[in-house]
Amino acid sequence: MSKQGDFNTPRQTTEFKMLIMMHKIATILVSFFLLATPAYAGSSFQYSKPIQTNNLAGYKFIVLDKDVYTHSNQPQLQDVRIFDDKEQEVPYFQDSSIATTTTPYSTIQDGNDTVITIAVNHLNGFGLELHSDDTFERNYVLYGMSGQTKWYLTEGTLVNRPLEPSLPKKDINWASTNRFDELKLIIHNRDNLPIDLNSVRFSYYLDRLVFKDLGNSYYRLAYGNTAAGSPYYDVTDYKTIITKEPLTQATLGTEVSTQPLPQPPDNQKNFKPLFTTAISALALLITGIGLSLRKKQR
């Protein structure tokens, strides 16, 4: 004599077979979905540079260069990572120092205005000094340029009185987190002759990354990832202590570019909602059959 709940009657046997069939159908659908949908990853790191070290253990630092600033896809370098030879992330912290350089520029006249275009190569700039033997006091406006896109940075008055050194000289300073291909400085001369420039000095923040070299690994710097967020490593909490110790500089090698991983085509993007709907309907059907069986068993 069978116990309640055993599937011995013809009706119960049929319903049990239906449950088994539904389970098989669900398994087939899941398998089909996994096979039919390729594993498309998000945006990958499109650029990298080998890090050349002295192969000795200790804290090292690298100074970021024009390539990194140009190809990083994040305004504050959030997509920059260091990897070891096992493709594991290597913790680092970032700090900055101030650097100044003489930068190339070109000038044109636009009516009574002088337009000075200054190459800055995506460096994180904050100041300009115009060196001239002329005495002048001119109003100006400064823009940052990336391609044809223009950002307003600052405006004010330039003052240079070399015959009166006791009077303050007014240079150009601004605060912006954006990085630009070039700066465009427009000087309003009114009825004066254009300023005879000797040179233009550009001040910027020199960024470096500090990391611990274990002395037994190859390291590389990776960047150019639209999906990467800001990392936060424990080593950041010890930044003050580490920077008090002597650090050894490592250097960056030649940039290597890689193609980004493909994104799913539209038909693959639309396939998942259909699959989810089908599975949901199948789950409801199986649940209904299960409830029906329980009622009949009572």
Protein backbone atom coordinates (compact mmCIF):
# COMPACT_ATOMS: atom_id res chain seq x y z
CA MET A 1 0.00 0.00 0.00
CA SER A 2 1.45 3.29 -1.04
CA LYS A 3 1.92 6.22 1.27
CA GLN A 4 0.19 9.52 0.61
CA GLY A 5 2.31 11.52 -1.85
CA ASP A 6 3.65 8.51 -3.78
CA PHE A 7 3.16 8.78 -7.54
CA ASN A 8 1.60 5.37 -8.18
CA THR A 9 -1.77 6.16 -9.78
CA PRO A 10 -1.94 6.77 -13.54
CA ARG A 11 -3.00 10.41 -12.96
CA GLN A 12 -0.17 11.00 -10.51
CA THR A 13 2.34 9.30 -12.78
CA THR A 14 1.28 11.53 -15.70
CA GLU A 15 1.58 14.68 -13.60
CA PHE A 16 4.95 13.58 -12.32
CA LYS A 17 6.14 13.07 -15.88
CA MET A 18 4.90 16.55 -16.74
CA LEU A 19 7.01 17.99 -13.92
CA ILE A 20 10.06 16.10 -15.19
CA MET A 21 9.41 17.40 -18.72
CA MET A 22 9.07 20.99 -17.52
CA HIS A 23 12.33 20.68 -15.61
CA LYS A 24 14.08 19.39 -18.74
CA ILE A 25 12.65 22.25 -20.81
CA ALA A 26 13.91 24.79 -18.26
CA THR A 27 17.35 23.16 -18.28
CA ILE A 28 17.47 23.25 -22.09
CA LEU A 29 16.45 26.93 -22.15
CA VAL A 30 19.14 27.88 -19.65
CA SER A 31 21.78 25.91 -21.54
CA PHE A 32 20.71 27.45 -24.83
CA PHE A 33 20.90 30.95 -23.36
CA LEU A 34 24.38 30.40 -21.97
CA LEU A 35 25.63 28.99 -25.26
CA ALA A 36 23.90 31.49 -27.51
CA THR A 37 25.00 34.56 -25.54
CA PRO A 38 28.72 35.31 -25.81
CA ALA A 39 30.59 36.56 -22.75
CA TYR A 40 30.86 40.22 -23.69
CA ALA A 41 32.97 42.11 -21.15
CA GLY A 42 32.78 45.82 -20.44
CA SER A 43 35.21 48.36 -21.82
CA SER A 44 38.76 47.11 -21.32
CA PHE A 45 42.01 48.97 -20.73
CA GLN A 46 42.98 50.17 -24.18
CA TYR A 47 46.53 51.27 -23.37
CA SER A 48 49.42 50.10 -21.25
CA LYS A 49 53.08 50.82 -20.58
CA PRO A 50 55.69 48.50 -19.07
CA ILE A 51 57.16 49.72 -15.80
CA GLN A 52 60.92 49.38 -15.73
CA THR A 53 62.28 48.90 -12.19
CA ASN A 54 65.63 47.96 -10.64
CA ASN A 55 64.20 44.55 -9.60
CA LEU A 56 64.83 45.31 -5.92
CA ALA A 57 62.12 45.16 -3.29
CA GLY A 58 60.89 48.47 -1.93
CA TYR A 59 58.56 51.37 -2.65
CA LYS A 60 58.87 52.81 -6.14
CA PHE A 61 57.22 55.68 -7.94
CA ILE A 62 56.46 56.42 -11.56
CA VAL A 63 55.83 59.86 -13.05
CA LEU A 64 52.86 59.96 -15.40
CA ASP A 65 53.56 61.32 -18.87
CA LYS A 66 51.78 62.86 -21.84
CA ASP A 67 50.56 59.49 -23.19
CA VAL A 68 48.75 58.66 -19.96
CA TYR A 69 47.11 62.10 -19.74
CA THR A 70 46.07 61.90 -23.39
CA HIS A 71 44.60 58.40 -23.35
CA SER A 72 43.15 58.16 -19.85
CA ASN A 73 39.36 58.13 -20.20
CA GLN A 74 38.71 59.66 -16.78
CA PRO A 75 39.19 63.33 -15.81
CA GLN A 76 40.98 62.51 -12.56
CA LEU A 77 42.81 59.41 -13.85
CA GLN A 78 40.32 57.08 -12.13
CA ASP A 79 40.98 54.42 -14.77
CA VAL A 80 44.72 54.11 -14.11
CA ARG A 81 45.83 50.74 -12.71
CA ILE A 82 49.08 48.89 -12.02
CA PHE A 83 49.16 45.14 -12.73
CA ASP A 84 51.77 42.51 -11.91
CA ASP A 85 52.79 39.52 -14.02
CA LYS A 86 49.79 37.55 -12.72
CA GLU A 87 47.42 40.31 -13.84
CA GLN A 88 46.61 41.15 -10.23
CA GLU A 89 46.06 44.79 -9.30
CA VAL A 90 48.96 46.33 -7.40
CA PRO A 91 47.88 48.88 -4.76
CA TYR A 92 49.21 52.42 -5.20
CA PHE A 93 48.55 55.95 -4.08
CA GLN A 94 48.83 59.16 -6.07
CA ASP A 95 50.53 62.36 -5.01
CA SER A 96 51.51 65.51 -6.84
CA SER A 97 54.26 68.11 -6.95
CA ILE A 98 54.44 71.42 -8.78
CA ALA A 99 56.43 71.72 -11.99
CA THR A 100 57.01 74.64 -14.37
CA THR A 101 58.15 74.53 -17.97
CA THR A 102 58.59 76.84 -20.93
CA THR A 103 55.87 75.84 -23.36
CA PRO A 104 55.52 76.37 -27.12
CA TYR A 105 52.92 78.87 -28.29
CA SER A 106 51.70 80.72 -31.38
CA THR A 107 50.07 84.14 -31.74
CA ILE A 108 47.69 85.77 -34.18
CA GLN A 109 46.02 89.18 -34.23
CA ASP A 110 42.23 89.44 -34.27
CA GLY A 111 41.46 93.14 -34.58
CA ASN A 112 42.77 94.75 -31.40
CA ASP A 113 43.06 91.38 -29.65
CA THR A 114 46.06 89.10 -29.48
CA VAL A 115 45.12 85.39 -29.50
CA ILE A 116 47.82 83.15 -28.01
CA THR A 117 47.50 79.37 -28.44
CA ILE A 118 49.56 77.43 -25.89
CA ALA A 119 50.23 73.68 -26.11
CA VAL A 120 49.79 71.96 -22.73
CA ASN A 121 49.44 68.28 -23.72
CA HIS A 122 46.71 67.35 -21.22
CA LEU A 123 48.86 68.28 -18.23
CA ASN A 124 47.04 69.33 -15.07
CA GLY A 125 47.79 73.03 -15.33
CA PHE A 126 46.98 75.94 -13.05
CA GLY A 127 49.18 78.91 -14.01
CA LEU A 128 50.70 80.96 -16.84
CA GLU A 129 53.47 83.54 -16.76
CA LEU A 130 54.05 85.82 -19.75
CA HIS A 131 57.66 86.97 -19.88
CA SER A 132 58.25 90.27 -21.66
CA ASP A 133 60.36 93.41 -21.36
CA ASP A 134 57.30 95.52 -22.18
CA THR A 135 55.39 97.54 -19.64
CA PHE A 136 51.70 96.77 -19.88
CA GLU A 137 48.37 96.41 -18.14
CA ARG A 138 45.91 94.43 -20.25
CA ASN A 139 42.63 92.60 -19.70
CA TYR A 140 42.45 88.98 -20.79
CA VAL A 141 40.23 85.89 -20.92
CA LEU A 142 41.50 82.30 -20.88
CA TYR A 143 39.90 79.18 -22.35
CA GLY A 144 40.82 75.51 -22.30
CA MET A 145 40.55 73.67 -25.62
CA SER A 146 40.00 69.99 -26.40
CA GLY A 147 39.54 69.67 -30.14
CA GLN A 148 36.83 72.16 -31.05
CA THR A 149 35.33 72.18 -27.55
CA LYS A 150 36.07 75.27 -25.46
CA TRP A 151 35.83 75.77 -21.67
CA TYR A 152 35.98 79.13 -19.94
CA LEU A 153 38.70 79.13 -17.27
CA THR A 154 39.29 82.63 -16.00
CA GLU A 155 39.64 86.32 -16.85
CA GLY A 156 41.35 89.30 -15.29
CA THR A 157 44.14 91.84 -15.75
CA LEU A 158 47.75 91.18 -16.72
CA VAL A 159 50.24 93.61 -15.22
CA ASN A 160 53.96 93.85 -16.00
CA ARG A 161 56.06 96.83 -14.95
CA PRO A 162 59.73 95.79 -15.15
CA LEU A 163 60.88 99.36 -14.37
CA GLU A 164 58.96 99.30 -11.10
CA PRO A 165 59.94 96.01 -9.43
CA SER A 166 58.32 97.05 -6.16
CA LEU A 167 54.90 96.83 -7.78
CA PRO A 168 53.35 93.33 -7.94
CA LYS A 169 53.29 91.46 -11.19
CA LYS A 170 49.96 89.84 -12.05
CA ASP A 171 50.09 86.45 -13.74
CA ILE A 172 47.30 84.07 -14.73
CA ASN A 173 45.98 81.40 -12.39
CA TRP A 174 42.92 79.17 -12.57
CA ALA A 175 41.34 76.17 -10.90
CA SER A 176 39.98 73.38 -13.08
CA THR A 177 39.97 69.58 -12.95
CA ASN A 178 39.77 69.26 -16.74
CA ARG A 179 42.81 68.51 -18.88
CA PHE A 180 43.20 70.21 -22.25
CA ASP A 181 45.05 69.86 -25.53
CA GLU A 182 45.87 73.55 -25.46
CA LEU A 183 45.01 76.89 -23.87
CA LYS A 184 43.69 79.88 -25.75
CA LEU A 185 44.57 83.25 -24.19
CA ILE A 186 42.89 86.35 -25.60
CA ILE A 187 44.52 89.65 -24.64
CA HIS A 188 42.56 92.86 -25.22
CA ASN A 189 45.08 95.46 -26.36
CA ARG A 190 42.64 98.33 -26.89
CA ASP A 191 44.72 100.83 -28.92
CA ASN A 192 48.08 99.52 -27.71
CA LEU A 193 50.57 97.52 -29.72
CA PRO A 194 50.61 93.77 -29.04
CA ILE A 195 52.85 92.56 -26.22
CA ASP A 196 56.30 91.51 -27.39
CA LEU A 197 56.67 88.13 -25.67
CA ASN A 198 59.99 86.51 -24.78
CA SER A 199 58.51 83.25 -23.49
CA VAL A 200 55.49 81.65 -21.82
CA ARG A 201 55.90 79.62 -18.64
CA PHE A 202 53.32 76.96 -17.79
CA SER A 203 52.82 75.64 -14.23
CA TYR A 204 51.19 72.29 -13.61
CA TYR A 205 50.84 69.46 -11.12
CA LEU A 206 53.24 66.60 -11.75
CA ASP A 207 51.44 63.37 -10.83
CA ARG A 208 53.22 60.29 -9.62
CA LEU A 209 52.05 56.86 -8.47
CA VAL A 210 53.75 55.16 -5.51
CA PHE A 211 53.57 51.37 -5.20
CA LYS A 212 55.39 48.53 -3.45
CA ASP A 213 57.72 46.52 -5.66
CA LEU A 214 58.18 42.97 -4.38
CA GLY A 215 61.32 42.61 -6.47
CA ASN A 216 60.19 39.45 -8.24
CA SER A 217 57.52 40.55 -10.67
CA TYR A 218 56.94 42.36 -13.93
CA TYR A 219 54.70 45.42 -13.68
CA ARG A 220 52.72 47.42 -16.18
CA LEU A 221 50.59 50.54 -16.10
CA ALA A 222 47.14 50.25 -17.72
CA TYR A 223 44.69 53.04 -18.61
CA GLY A 224 42.01 54.03 -21.07
CA ASN A 225 38.92 52.36 -19.57
CA THR A 226 35.55 54.12 -19.71
CA ALA A 227 33.99 51.77 -17.14
CA ALA A 228 36.67 51.94 -14.42
CA GLY A 229 35.90 53.78 -11.20
CA SER A 230 38.25 55.31 -8.63
CA PRO A 231 40.22 52.63 -6.78
CA TYR A 232 40.93 52.90 -3.07
CA TYR A 233 43.70 50.81 -1.57
CA ASP A 234 44.80 50.39 2.06
CA VAL A 235 48.24 51.78 1.16
CA THR A 236 46.61 55.22 0.84
CA ASP A 237 46.20 55.30 4.63
CA TYR A 238 50.00 55.10 5.01
CA LYS A 239 50.81 57.74 2.41
CA THR A 240 52.30 60.20 4.91
CA ILE A 241 54.60 57.56 6.42
CA ILE A 242 55.74 56.09 3.10
CA THR A 243 56.60 59.43 1.49
CA LYS A 244 58.95 60.23 4.38
CA GLU A 245 61.16 57.32 3.33
CA PRO A 246 63.49 57.35 0.29
CA LEU A 247 61.62 56.25 -2.83
CA THR A 248 63.19 54.86 -5.97
CA GLN A 249 61.95 56.08 -9.33
CA ALA A 250 60.83 53.56 -11.92
CA THR A 251 60.32 54.52 -15.55
CA LEU A 252 57.58 53.94 -18.07
CA GLY A 253 58.30 52.17 -21.32
CA THR A 254 56.72 52.53 -24.74
CA GLU A 255 52.94 52.68 -24.90
CA VAL A 256 51.11 49.64 -26.26
CA SER A 257 47.53 49.93 -27.50
CA THR A 258 44.98 47.11 -27.58
CA GLN A 259 41.59 46.95 -29.25
CA PRO A 260 38.60 47.26 -26.89
CA LEU A 261 36.51 44.13 -26.41
CA PRO A 262 33.40 44.02 -28.63
CA GLN A 263 30.04 45.06 -27.25
CA PRO A 264 27.00 42.82 -27.73
CA PRO A 265 25.00 43.43 -30.92
CA ASP A 266 21.46 44.71 -30.64
CA ASN A 267 19.88 41.29 -31.17
CA GLN A 268 21.90 39.93 -28.23
CA LYS A 269 20.89 42.88 -26.06
CA ASN A 270 17.22 42.19 -26.84
CA PHE A 271 17.50 38.45 -26.29
CA LYS A 272 17.86 38.53 -22.51
CA PRO A 273 14.45 40.15 -21.74
CA LEU A 274 12.72 37.52 -23.92
CA PHE A 275 14.57 34.74 -22.15
CA THR A 276 13.66 36.16 -18.73
CA THR A 277 9.99 36.36 -19.71
CA ALA A 278 9.98 32.75 -20.95
CA ILE A 279 11.63 31.42 -17.81
CA SER A 280 9.20 33.37 -15.60
CA ALA A 281 6.19 31.93 -17.43
CA LEU A 282 7.62 28.42 -17.17
CA ALA A 283 8.23 28.88 -13.43
CA LEU A 284 4.61 29.95 -12.91
CA LEU A 285 3.38 26.90 -14.83
CA ILE A 286 5.51 24.52 -12.76
CA THR A 287 4.34 26.20 -9.56
CA GLY A 288 0.71 25.78 -10.65
CA ILE A 289 1.17 22.08 -11.32
CA GLY A 290 2.88 21.64 -7.97
CA LEU A 291 0.01 23.30 -6.11
CA SER A 292 -2.50 21.16 -8.01
CA LEU A 293 -0.66 17.99 -7.02
CA ARG A 294 -0.59 19.01 -3.35
CA LYS A 295 -4.37 19.62 -3.34
CA LYS A 296 -5.04 16.20 -4.87
CA GLN A 297 -2.77 14.49 -2.35
CA ARG A 298 -4.74 15.82 0.63
